[in-house]
Amino acid sequence: MEPHLRDLRYFVAVAEELHFTNAAVRLGIAQPTLSRQIRQLETQLETTLFDRDQRSVALTVAGKELLEGARSILAAWNGISLRLNHAGETLRVGLQTAINRGLLNDLERGSGQTLEFHPSPWIDPTCGLATRKADLALVWVPPADERYLSRTLRSELQWIIMPESHRLAESDGVNMVDLFDEPFIALPPEAGALRDYWLATYARGGRPVVVGAEADTAEEKIEAIEHGLGICLIAEGAVPLYRWPGIVARPVLDLAPCELSIAWRVDDDRDAVRDFVSHASGR
């Protein structure tokens, strides 16, 4: 079997980072998955690509040879992919969290372009931009990387969702001080900055977060809340998506609004992408 482009992309990430965990974060996949794929690639090629020990990762001679060729192959394919996308009228938009469907419809109608929305795992901070599965990404925390640009689309109040039996359920609104000792439903640790953001670590004055459970999907969040494992912050526009029996939502009065941004790759200079960003952001 010949390696897939995905395998080469994984290999290049590890070769450039020389660190499997950092490469996994860059790719938006789990570290064990990346390690398994690299081992499979070495088996396919019948050669060792990396010298590994408990403290370091280094390229072998064969690995150095493959790196040069893999970069050329990926660069050529990226060029072809950009030209193919330019020839079409559809833009792929990565989504990481629940976003009001009305906003998505407004973006599509107003831009005059056809959009394909692709859910992205929370462990991928680029929402598919890094792997080129997406041309644009709607994110609450823009990627902190010079390879990407972003613009703010809108601001929304932050709300807390909780069981209807919760002690704060009858309140018109809550403050963060009311929530300091409450267990929260957290995103997986691989979500990094996004996990910290939706735990409001920046608004706790250094107080530790109580994590009652972790959830990989919106459905798992709801299930954890129903079982009384914790509460969860969401954007106001997502409140209708979480209106399930037994769950209530209340605004957090003293938290700064969250900002939804549109992000894209610096090297993607297609008119379709630039026009969409300009229209969506109003500038």
Protein backbone atom coordinates (compact mmCIF):
# COMPACT_ATOMS: atom_id res chain seq x y z
CA MET A 1 0.00 0.00 0.00
CA GLU A 2 1.19 3.53 -0.78
CA PRO A 3 1.02 6.27 1.87
CA HIS A 4 -1.95 8.65 1.82
CA LEU A 5 -1.57 12.42 1.81
CA ARG A 6 -2.87 12.32 5.38
CA ASP A 7 0.03 10.08 6.39
CA LEU A 8 2.53 12.46 4.83
CA ARG A 9 0.88 15.42 6.54
CA TYR A 10 1.12 13.64 9.89
CA PHE A 11 4.75 12.73 9.24
CA VAL A 12 5.72 16.31 8.31
CA ALA A 13 4.08 17.67 11.46
CA VAL A 14 6.07 15.31 13.69
CA ALA A 15 9.26 15.93 11.70
CA GLU A 16 8.92 19.70 12.09
CA GLU A 17 7.86 19.66 15.74
CA LEU A 18 10.06 16.71 16.82
CA HIS A 19 7.47 16.24 19.52
CA PHE A 20 4.46 13.95 19.15
CA THR A 21 2.17 15.82 21.54
CA ASN A 22 2.88 19.21 19.94
CA ALA A 23 2.36 17.73 16.48
CA ALA A 24 -0.96 16.20 17.57
CA VAL A 25 -2.19 19.57 18.85
CA ARG A 26 -1.11 21.21 15.58
CA LEU A 27 -3.03 18.61 13.58
CA GLY A 28 -6.06 18.61 15.86
CA ILE A 29 -5.93 14.88 16.60
CA ALA A 30 -5.23 12.78 19.67
CA GLN A 31 -1.59 11.94 20.38
CA PRO A 32 -2.12 8.14 20.53
CA THR A 33 -3.79 8.30 17.11
CA LEU A 34 -0.82 10.18 15.66
CA SER A 35 1.69 7.73 17.16
CA ARG A 36 -0.27 4.81 15.72
CA GLN A 37 -0.40 6.38 12.24
CA ILE A 38 3.35 7.04 12.23
CA ARG A 39 4.03 3.43 13.23
CA GLN A 40 1.77 2.25 10.41
CA LEU A 41 3.61 4.52 7.96
CA GLU A 42 6.96 3.07 9.04
CA THR A 43 5.55 -0.42 8.56
CA GLN A 44 4.28 0.46 5.08
CA LEU A 45 7.65 1.91 4.07
CA GLU A 46 9.58 -0.85 5.88
CA THR A 47 11.92 1.70 7.45
CA THR A 48 12.33 3.65 10.68
CA LEU A 49 11.61 7.35 10.28
CA PHE A 50 12.22 8.54 13.84
CA ASP A 51 14.64 7.66 16.62
CA ARG A 52 12.60 7.85 19.82
CA ASP A 53 13.43 7.69 23.48
CA GLN A 54 11.65 8.96 26.58
CA ARG A 55 13.08 12.46 26.21
CA SER A 56 13.51 13.22 22.52
CA VAL A 57 12.47 12.50 18.95
CA ALA A 58 14.91 12.75 16.04
CA LEU A 59 14.73 12.05 12.32
CA THR A 60 16.63 9.10 10.96
CA VAL A 61 18.49 9.34 7.65
CA ALA A 62 15.45 7.83 5.93
CA GLY A 63 13.21 10.30 7.74
CA LYS A 64 15.24 13.25 6.46
CA GLU A 65 14.95 11.94 2.89
CA LEU A 66 11.19 11.49 3.23
CA LEU A 67 10.71 14.95 4.75
CA GLU A 68 12.05 16.71 1.66
CA GLY A 69 9.88 14.66 -0.68
CA ALA A 70 6.78 14.83 1.52
CA ARG A 71 6.97 18.62 1.69
CA SER A 72 7.15 18.82 -2.09
CA ILE A 73 4.21 16.46 -2.55
CA LEU A 74 2.04 18.33 -0.02
CA ALA A 75 2.93 21.72 -1.48
CA ALA A 76 1.98 20.49 -4.96
CA TRP A 77 -1.32 19.07 -3.72
CA ASN A 78 -2.16 22.21 -1.76
CA GLY A 79 -1.68 24.24 -4.92
CA ILE A 80 -3.96 21.89 -6.86
CA SER A 81 -6.54 21.96 -4.06
CA LEU A 82 -6.59 25.77 -4.00
CA ARG A 83 -7.09 25.91 -7.77
CA LEU A 84 -9.91 23.36 -7.58
CA ASN A 85 -11.61 25.31 -4.82
CA HIS A 86 -11.20 28.51 -6.78
CA ALA A 87 -12.89 26.87 -9.75
CA GLY A 88 -15.94 26.04 -7.67
CA GLU A 89 -18.36 28.27 -5.78
CA THR A 90 -18.52 26.37 -2.51
CA LEU A 91 -16.60 27.44 0.59
CA ARG A 92 -16.09 24.94 3.40
CA VAL A 93 -16.67 26.41 6.86
CA GLY A 94 -15.45 24.61 9.98
CA LEU A 95 -17.55 24.79 13.15
CA GLN A 96 -16.27 23.84 16.57
CA THR A 97 -19.20 24.54 18.89
CA ALA A 98 -22.95 24.88 18.58
CA ILE A 99 -23.79 28.05 16.63
CA ASN A 100 -27.23 29.46 15.98
CA ARG A 101 -28.46 28.09 12.65
CA GLY A 102 -30.06 31.42 11.83
CA LEU A 103 -26.64 33.08 11.80
CA LEU A 104 -25.30 30.43 9.44
CA ASN A 105 -28.22 30.93 7.07
CA ASP A 106 -27.73 34.71 7.18
CA LEU A 107 -24.06 34.36 6.32
CA GLU A 108 -24.84 32.16 3.34
CA ARG A 109 -27.69 34.29 1.99
CA GLY A 110 -25.87 37.58 2.49
CA SER A 111 -22.62 36.47 0.90
CA GLY A 112 -24.24 35.03 -2.22
CA GLN A 113 -21.91 32.03 -1.94
CA THR A 114 -22.65 28.39 -1.26
CA LEU A 115 -21.29 27.24 2.07
CA GLU A 116 -20.65 23.74 3.36
CA PHE A 117 -20.56 23.53 7.14
CA HIS A 118 -18.29 20.90 8.69
CA PRO A 119 -18.35 20.06 12.43
CA SER A 120 -14.83 19.96 13.85
CA PRO A 121 -13.66 18.23 17.04
CA TRP A 122 -12.97 20.52 19.99
CA ILE A 123 -9.37 19.31 20.09
CA ASP A 124 -8.70 21.12 16.78
CA PRO A 125 -8.28 24.85 17.54
CA THR A 126 -8.20 25.66 13.80
CA CYS A 127 -11.54 23.98 12.99
CA GLY A 128 -10.10 22.22 9.96
CA LEU A 129 -7.94 25.07 8.64
CA ALA A 130 -4.68 23.28 9.52
CA THR A 131 -5.69 20.10 7.71
CA ARG A 132 -7.28 22.10 4.86
CA LYS A 133 -10.62 20.42 5.44
CA ALA A 134 -12.03 23.94 5.82
CA ASP A 135 -11.49 27.21 3.95
CA LEU A 136 -12.91 29.32 6.77
CA ALA A 137 -13.64 28.67 10.42
CA LEU A 138 -16.15 30.11 12.88
CA VAL A 139 -14.37 30.18 16.23
CA TRP A 140 -14.83 31.66 19.70
CA VAL A 141 -11.08 31.60 20.35
CA PRO A 142 -9.09 32.42 17.18
CA PRO A 143 -5.99 30.25 16.54
CA ALA A 144 -2.95 31.86 18.17
CA ASP A 145 -0.74 31.26 15.16
CA GLU A 146 0.72 33.59 12.54
CA ARG A 147 -0.47 31.21 9.81
CA TYR A 148 -4.06 32.38 10.39
CA LEU A 149 -5.97 35.65 10.35
CA SER A 150 -9.30 36.42 11.98
CA ARG A 151 -11.99 39.08 12.30
CA THR A 152 -14.77 39.43 14.86
CA LEU A 153 -18.27 38.82 13.50
CA ARG A 154 -20.45 39.41 16.55
CA SER A 155 -20.52 39.56 20.34
CA GLU A 156 -22.90 37.57 22.52
CA LEU A 157 -23.58 37.44 26.24
CA GLN A 158 -22.45 34.36 28.10
CA TRP A 159 -25.10 32.16 29.70
CA ILE A 160 -24.91 29.23 32.08
CA ILE A 161 -26.96 26.08 31.55
CA MET A 162 -27.88 23.94 34.56
CA PRO A 163 -30.47 21.43 35.79
CA GLU A 164 -33.82 22.99 36.60
CA SER A 165 -33.35 21.69 40.17
CA HIS A 166 -30.16 23.76 40.62
CA ARG A 167 -30.11 26.32 43.46
CA LEU A 168 -29.62 29.15 40.93
CA ALA A 169 -32.27 28.00 38.47
CA GLU A 170 -34.86 30.50 39.70
CA SER A 171 -32.53 33.50 39.39
CA ASP A 172 -33.00 36.09 36.65
CA GLY A 173 -29.23 36.13 36.24
CA VAL A 174 -26.09 35.03 38.07
CA ASN A 175 -22.62 36.42 38.76
CA MET A 176 -19.31 34.58 38.53
CA VAL A 177 -18.87 34.70 42.29
CA ASP A 178 -21.98 32.48 42.50
CA LEU A 179 -20.25 29.91 40.31
CA PHE A 180 -16.73 29.67 41.76
CA ASP A 181 -17.42 26.49 43.74
CA GLU A 182 -19.73 24.92 41.19
CA PRO A 183 -18.53 21.89 39.21
CA PHE A 184 -18.27 22.65 35.49
CA ILE A 185 -18.59 20.43 32.45
CA ALA A 186 -15.26 20.89 30.66
CA LEU A 187 -14.03 20.25 27.15
CA PRO A 188 -11.25 17.64 26.89
CA PRO A 189 -7.75 18.85 27.91
CA GLU A 190 -6.66 18.71 24.27
CA ALA A 191 -8.98 21.66 23.57
CA GLY A 192 -6.40 23.87 25.29
CA ALA A 193 -7.31 27.56 25.22
CA LEU A 194 -10.91 26.81 24.25
CA ARG A 195 -11.34 24.61 27.34
CA ASP A 196 -9.97 27.38 29.57
CA TYR A 197 -12.19 29.97 27.90
CA TRP A 198 -15.46 28.11 28.50
CA LEU A 199 -14.39 27.44 32.08
CA ALA A 200 -13.92 31.23 32.48
CA THR A 201 -10.49 30.72 34.05
CA TYR A 202 -9.68 34.35 33.20
CA ALA A 203 -12.51 35.58 35.46
CA ARG A 204 -11.77 33.48 38.56
CA GLY A 205 -8.99 35.54 40.13
CA GLY A 206 -6.70 32.54 40.27
CA ARG A 207 -9.25 30.28 41.94
CA PRO A 208 -9.07 26.67 40.72
CA VAL A 209 -11.86 25.27 38.57
CA VAL A 210 -13.94 22.39 39.85
CA VAL A 211 -14.39 19.98 36.92
CA GLY A 212 -17.35 17.69 37.42
CA ALA A 213 -17.05 15.91 34.07
CA GLU A 214 -15.60 16.24 30.58
CA ALA A 215 -17.61 16.17 27.36
CA ASP A 216 -16.51 15.65 23.76
CA THR A 217 -19.83 16.63 22.19
CA ALA A 218 -22.82 18.88 22.86
CA GLU A 219 -24.90 15.76 23.51
CA GLU A 220 -22.45 14.61 26.18
CA LYS A 221 -22.66 18.07 27.80
CA ILE A 222 -26.43 17.81 28.04
CA GLU A 223 -26.25 14.28 29.42
CA ALA A 224 -23.71 15.31 32.08
CA ILE A 225 -25.88 18.25 33.14
CA GLU A 226 -28.99 16.05 33.30
CA HIS A 227 -27.09 13.72 35.64
CA GLY A 228 -26.18 16.62 37.90
CA LEU A 229 -22.44 16.40 37.21
CA GLY A 230 -22.01 20.12 36.63
CA ILE A 231 -23.01 23.27 34.79
CA CYS A 232 -21.72 24.77 31.57
CA LEU A 233 -21.11 28.16 29.91
CA ILE A 234 -22.44 28.78 26.41
CA ALA A 235 -22.96 31.74 24.08
CA GLU A 236 -26.40 33.37 24.16
CA GLY A 237 -27.07 32.46 20.53
CA ALA A 238 -26.69 28.77 21.38
CA VAL A 239 -29.28 28.83 24.18
CA PRO A 240 -32.14 27.59 21.94
CA LEU A 241 -30.02 24.59 20.97
CA TYR A 242 -29.80 23.53 24.62
CA ARG A 243 -33.48 23.91 25.52
CA TRP A 244 -33.97 20.33 26.66
CA PRO A 245 -36.48 19.16 29.28
CA GLY A 246 -34.98 19.55 32.74
CA ILE A 247 -32.35 22.11 31.68
CA VAL A 248 -32.55 25.89 32.16
CA ALA A 249 -30.30 28.76 31.02
CA ARG A 250 -29.52 32.02 32.82
CA PRO A 251 -27.28 34.96 31.81
CA VAL A 252 -23.98 35.52 33.63
CA LEU A 253 -24.27 39.23 34.34
CA ASP A 254 -20.66 40.16 35.03
CA LEU A 255 -18.81 38.16 32.35
CA ALA A 256 -17.58 40.00 29.27
CA PRO A 257 -19.43 39.03 26.08
CA CYS A 258 -17.89 36.25 24.02
CA GLU A 259 -16.85 37.08 20.46
CA LEU A 260 -17.47 34.89 17.45
CA SER A 261 -14.75 35.30 14.83
CA ILE A 262 -14.15 34.17 11.27
CA ALA A 263 -10.66 32.76 10.69
CA TRP A 264 -8.80 31.84 7.52
CA ARG A 265 -5.31 30.88 6.33
CA VAL A 266 -2.83 33.66 5.56
CA ASP A 267 -1.75 31.85 2.40
CA ASP A 268 -5.31 31.59 1.03
CA ASP A 269 -5.62 34.74 -1.09
CA ARG A 270 -8.59 33.64 -3.18
CA ASP A 271 -11.07 36.36 -4.00
CA ALA A 272 -13.94 34.15 -2.79
CA VAL A 273 -12.42 33.90 0.69
CA ARG A 274 -11.53 37.59 0.94
CA ASP A 275 -14.95 38.67 -0.33
CA PHE A 276 -16.73 36.43 2.16
CA VAL A 277 -14.66 37.71 5.07
CA SER A 278 -15.25 41.33 4.05
CA HIS A 279 -18.99 40.81 3.76
CA ALA A 280 -19.37 38.78 6.94
CA SER A 281 -17.38 41.22 9.06
CA GLY A 282 -18.78 44.35 7.42
CA ARG A 283 -15.38 45.61 6.29
